[in-house]
Every structure is written in structure tokens, then in C-alpha cells.
């Protein structure tokens, strides 16, 4: 009975670490995506095609992804299982918020680019 409880706990801990690893890798990749898109938007603005607030919003979104990435890394390095769970949940929530922000920003970029040039 005791061994079964330990196996469940080990499997739960492994699952939480697996989620943290995924949040960590995807968040760090999304920081790069945000920075790349900011550069592309600056090129579009320089060429005079569109002027948008999206690059500023993307900078904030990149910051959210970075915070999520750092929290998930901290959770992976945490020795306390309780702290790991708490940090993982916070990182997950910030990651979801940043992903929603990314969708909204993409819609804003699409709208701004589709407008006729003034």
C-alpha cells in the first residue's frame, strides 16, 4: 500500500515536472517569436505601410512569456514539492494569459495591415 502511494506521488511529481519543462521551452521560444515580430512590425512601419500599437503590446507580451519561463525554471529547480506546484500553477496562468494576448495582438496586426494606406 505504501509503495503504491509513493508510485502515485512519483508519477504526479514527474507529470508536474513535465508540464514545467513544456512551459519553460515554449515560453522561451515565444519570447523569440515576439521579438522577431516586433522587428518585422518595425520594418513595416518604416516602409510606411501601417502604424500600429502592436509592437508595444508585443513587448509586454514577450515580458509575460519571459516571466512564465523564469517561474517554470524556478519550479524545476525547487526542492519543495509544494513550492514547485505553486510556481507551476502561476507560470501556467501567466503563460495562458500571454497566449491570449498573442492572439489579440495578431488580430490587431491583421486589422492594421488590412486597412488601406492613408
C-alpha atoms as a PDB file:
ATOM      1  CA  UNK A   1       0.000   0.000   0.000  1.00  0.00           C
ATOM      2  CA  UNK A   2       2.757   2.397   0.927  1.00  0.00           C
ATOM      3  CA  UNK A   3       4.713   1.609  -2.237  1.00  0.00           C
ATOM      4  CA  UNK A   4       1.624   2.308  -4.371  1.00  0.00           C
ATOM      5  CA  UNK A   5       1.190   5.721  -2.738  1.00  0.00           C
ATOM      6  CA  UNK A   6       4.856   6.528  -3.396  1.00  0.00           C
ATOM      7  CA  UNK A   7       4.488   5.478  -7.048  1.00  0.00           C
ATOM      8  CA  UNK A   8       1.463   7.757  -7.448  1.00  0.00           C
ATOM      9  CA  UNK A   9       3.364  10.618  -5.832  1.00  0.00           C
ATOM     10  CA  UNK A  10       6.400   9.994  -8.057  1.00  0.00           C
ATOM     11  CA  UNK A  11       4.201   9.844 -11.160  1.00  0.00           C
ATOM     12  CA  UNK A  12       2.414  13.075 -10.146  1.00  0.00           C
ATOM     13  CA  UNK A  13       5.738  14.799  -9.500  1.00  0.00           C
ATOM     14  CA  UNK A  14       7.046  13.584 -12.860  1.00  0.00           C
ATOM     15  CA  UNK A  15       3.910  14.930 -14.582  1.00  0.00           C
ATOM     16  CA  UNK A  16       4.311  18.326 -12.885  1.00  0.00           C
ATOM     17  CA  UNK A  17       7.970  18.475 -13.910  1.00  0.00           C
ATOM     18  CA  UNK A  18       6.971  17.521 -17.449  1.00  0.00           C
ATOM     19  CA  UNK A  19       4.447  20.385 -17.556  1.00  0.00           C
ATOM     20  CA  UNK A  20       7.098  22.786 -16.202  1.00  0.00           C
ATOM     21  CA  UNK A  21       9.551  21.666 -18.878  1.00  0.00           C
ATOM     22  CA  UNK A  22       6.958  22.278 -21.600  1.00  0.00           C
ATOM     23  CA  UNK A  23       6.068  25.729 -20.230  1.00  0.00           C
ATOM     24  CA  UNK A  24       9.775  26.559 -19.978  1.00  0.00           C
ATOM     25  CA  UNK A  25      10.631  25.564 -23.540  1.00  0.00           C
ATOM     26  CA  UNK A  26       7.555  27.037 -25.206  1.00  0.00           C
ATOM     27  CA  UNK A  27       7.741  30.289 -23.215  1.00  0.00           C
ATOM     28  CA  UNK A  28      11.349  30.850 -24.171  1.00  0.00           C
ATOM     29  CA  UNK A  29      10.505  30.162 -27.823  1.00  0.00           C
ATOM     30  CA  UNK A  30       7.577  32.586 -27.657  1.00  0.00           C
ATOM     31  CA  UNK A  31       9.869  35.339 -26.324  1.00  0.00           C
ATOM     32  CA  UNK A  32      11.893  34.875 -29.506  1.00  0.00           C
ATOM     33  CA  UNK A  33       8.748  34.911 -31.645  1.00  0.00           C
ATOM     34  CA  UNK A  34       7.566  38.151 -30.037  1.00  0.00           C
ATOM     35  CA  UNK A  35      10.926  39.828 -30.588  1.00  0.00           C
ATOM     36  CA  UNK A  36      11.014  38.675 -34.219  1.00  0.00           C
ATOM     37  CA  UNK A  37       7.526  40.014 -34.880  1.00  0.00           C
ATOM     38  CA  UNK A  38       8.433  43.321 -33.215  1.00  0.00           C
ATOM     39  CA  UNK A  39      11.304  43.608 -35.696  1.00  0.00           C
ATOM     40  CA  UNK A  40       9.017  42.791 -38.612  1.00  0.00           C
ATOM     41  CA  UNK A  41       6.455  45.345 -37.483  1.00  0.00           C
ATOM     42  CA  UNK A  42       9.169  47.990 -37.225  1.00  0.00           C
ATOM     43  CA  UNK A  43      10.142  47.214 -40.836  1.00  0.00           C
ATOM     44  CA  UNK A  44       6.509  47.577 -41.943  1.00  0.00           C
ATOM     45  CA  UNK A  45       6.185  50.881 -40.070  1.00  0.00           C
ATOM     46  CA  UNK A  46       9.446  52.160 -41.579  1.00  0.00           C
ATOM     47  CA  UNK A  47       8.204  51.340 -45.070  1.00  0.00           C
ATOM     48  CA  UNK A  48       5.105  53.407 -44.293  1.00  0.00           C
ATOM     49  CA  UNK A  49       2.617  50.596 -44.788  1.00  0.00           C
ATOM     50  CA  UNK A  50       0.972  50.779 -41.372  1.00  0.00           C
ATOM     51  CA  UNK A  51       1.436  52.304 -37.970  1.00  0.00           C
ATOM     52  CA  UNK A  52       0.227  50.226 -35.048  1.00  0.00           C
ATOM     53  CA  UNK A  53       0.456  49.837 -31.300  1.00  0.00           C
ATOM     54  CA  UNK A  54       1.103  46.101 -31.777  1.00  0.00           C
ATOM     55  CA  UNK A  55       4.879  46.313 -31.318  1.00  0.00           C
ATOM     56  CA  UNK A  56       4.449  47.910 -27.896  1.00  0.00           C
ATOM     57  CA  UNK A  57       1.882  45.292 -26.928  1.00  0.00           C
ATOM     58  CA  UNK A  58       4.175  42.521 -28.176  1.00  0.00           C
ATOM     59  CA  UNK A  59       6.966  43.821 -25.963  1.00  0.00           C
ATOM     60  CA  UNK A  60       4.655  43.450 -22.967  1.00  0.00           C
ATOM     61  CA  UNK A  61       3.611  40.006 -24.170  1.00  0.00           C
ATOM     62  CA  UNK A  62       7.262  38.977 -24.512  1.00  0.00           C
ATOM     63  CA  UNK A  63       7.763  40.087 -20.911  1.00  0.00           C
ATOM     64  CA  UNK A  64       4.850  37.864 -19.798  1.00  0.00           C
ATOM     65  CA  UNK A  65       6.358  34.898 -21.644  1.00  0.00           C
ATOM     66  CA  UNK A  66       9.728  35.633 -20.022  1.00  0.00           C
ATOM     67  CA  UNK A  67       8.147  35.728 -16.550  1.00  0.00           C
ATOM     68  CA  UNK A  68       6.391  32.433 -17.266  1.00  0.00           C
ATOM     69  CA  UNK A  69       9.660  30.937 -18.460  1.00  0.00           C
ATOM     70  CA  UNK A  70      11.556  32.078 -15.369  1.00  0.00           C
ATOM     71  CA  UNK A  71       8.833  30.846 -12.993  1.00  0.00           C
ATOM     72  CA  UNK A  72       8.761  27.423 -14.621  1.00  0.00           C
ATOM     73  CA  UNK A  73      12.565  27.254 -14.399  1.00  0.00           C
ATOM     74  CA  UNK A  74      12.351  28.200 -10.727  1.00  0.00           C
ATOM     75  CA  UNK A  75       9.730  25.481 -10.217  1.00  0.00           C
ATOM     76  CA  UNK A  76      12.012  22.914 -11.848  1.00  0.00           C
ATOM     77  CA  UNK A  77      14.872  23.957  -9.557  1.00  0.00           C
ATOM     78  CA  UNK A  78      12.695  23.993  -6.432  1.00  0.00           C
ATOM     79  CA  UNK A  79      13.337  21.286  -3.876  1.00  0.00           C
ATOM     80  CA  UNK A  80       9.969  21.713  -2.182  1.00  0.00           C
ATOM     81  CA  UNK A  81       7.126  19.867  -3.902  1.00  0.00           C
ATOM     82  CA  UNK A  82       4.576  22.372  -2.578  1.00  0.00           C
ATOM     83  CA  UNK A  83       6.553  25.335  -3.915  1.00  0.00           C
ATOM     84  CA  UNK A  84       7.010  23.566  -7.255  1.00  0.00           C
ATOM     85  CA  UNK A  85       3.234  23.091  -7.597  1.00  0.00           C
ATOM     86  CA  UNK A  86       2.541  26.721  -6.690  1.00  0.00           C
ATOM     87  CA  UNK A  87       5.148  28.111  -9.088  1.00  0.00           C
ATOM     88  CA  UNK A  88       3.991  25.795 -11.863  1.00  0.00           C
ATOM     89  CA  UNK A  89       0.390  26.979 -11.492  1.00  0.00           C
ATOM     90  CA  UNK A  90       1.436  30.641 -11.570  1.00  0.00           C
ATOM     91  CA  UNK A  91       3.680  30.038 -14.601  1.00  0.00           C
ATOM     92  CA  UNK A  92       0.842  28.186 -16.329  1.00  0.00           C
ATOM     93  CA  UNK A  93      -1.627  31.025 -15.668  1.00  0.00           C
ATOM     94  CA  UNK A  94       0.770  33.687 -16.943  1.00  0.00           C
ATOM     95  CA  UNK A  95       1.546  31.536 -19.989  1.00  0.00           C
ATOM     96  CA  UNK A  96      -2.166  31.217 -20.852  1.00  0.00           C
ATOM     97  CA  UNK A  97      -2.634  34.973 -20.356  1.00  0.00           C
ATOM     98  CA  UNK A  98       0.316  35.677 -22.670  1.00  0.00           C
ATOM     99  CA  UNK A  99      -1.046  33.283 -25.313  1.00  0.00           C
ATOM    100  CA  UNK A 100      -4.428  35.043 -25.228  1.00  0.00           C
ATOM    101  CA  UNK A 101      -2.583  38.347 -25.540  1.00  0.00           C
ATOM    102  CA  UNK A 102      -0.705  36.989 -28.548  1.00  0.00           C
ATOM    103  CA  UNK A 103      -3.978  36.087 -30.299  1.00  0.00           C
ATOM    104  CA  UNK A 104      -5.409  39.556 -29.632  1.00  0.00           C
ATOM    105  CA  UNK A 105      -2.224  41.207 -30.895  1.00  0.00           C
ATOM    106  CA  UNK A 106      -2.254  39.045 -34.043  1.00  0.00           C
ATOM    107  CA  UNK A 107      -5.822  40.181 -34.691  1.00  0.00           C
ATOM    108  CA  UNK A 108      -4.716  43.807 -34.212  1.00  0.00           C
ATOM    109  CA  UNK A 109      -1.797  43.347 -36.617  1.00  0.00           C
ATOM    110  CA  UNK A 110      -4.058  41.739 -39.212  1.00  0.00           C
ATOM    111  CA  UNK A 111      -6.583  44.576 -38.885  1.00  0.00           C
ATOM    112  CA  UNK A 112      -3.867  47.269 -39.103  1.00  0.00           C
ATOM    113  CA  UNK A 113      -2.231  45.785 -42.170  1.00  0.00           C
ATOM    114  CA  UNK A 114      -5.535  45.207 -43.968  1.00  0.00           C
ATOM    115  CA  UNK A 115      -6.530  48.869 -43.679  1.00  0.00           C
ATOM    116  CA  UNK A 116      -5.835  50.926 -46.795  1.00  0.00           C
ATOM    117  CA  UNK A 117      -2.756  53.158 -46.545  1.00  0.00           C
ATOM    118  CA  UNK A 118      -3.514  56.769 -45.719  1.00  0.00           C
END
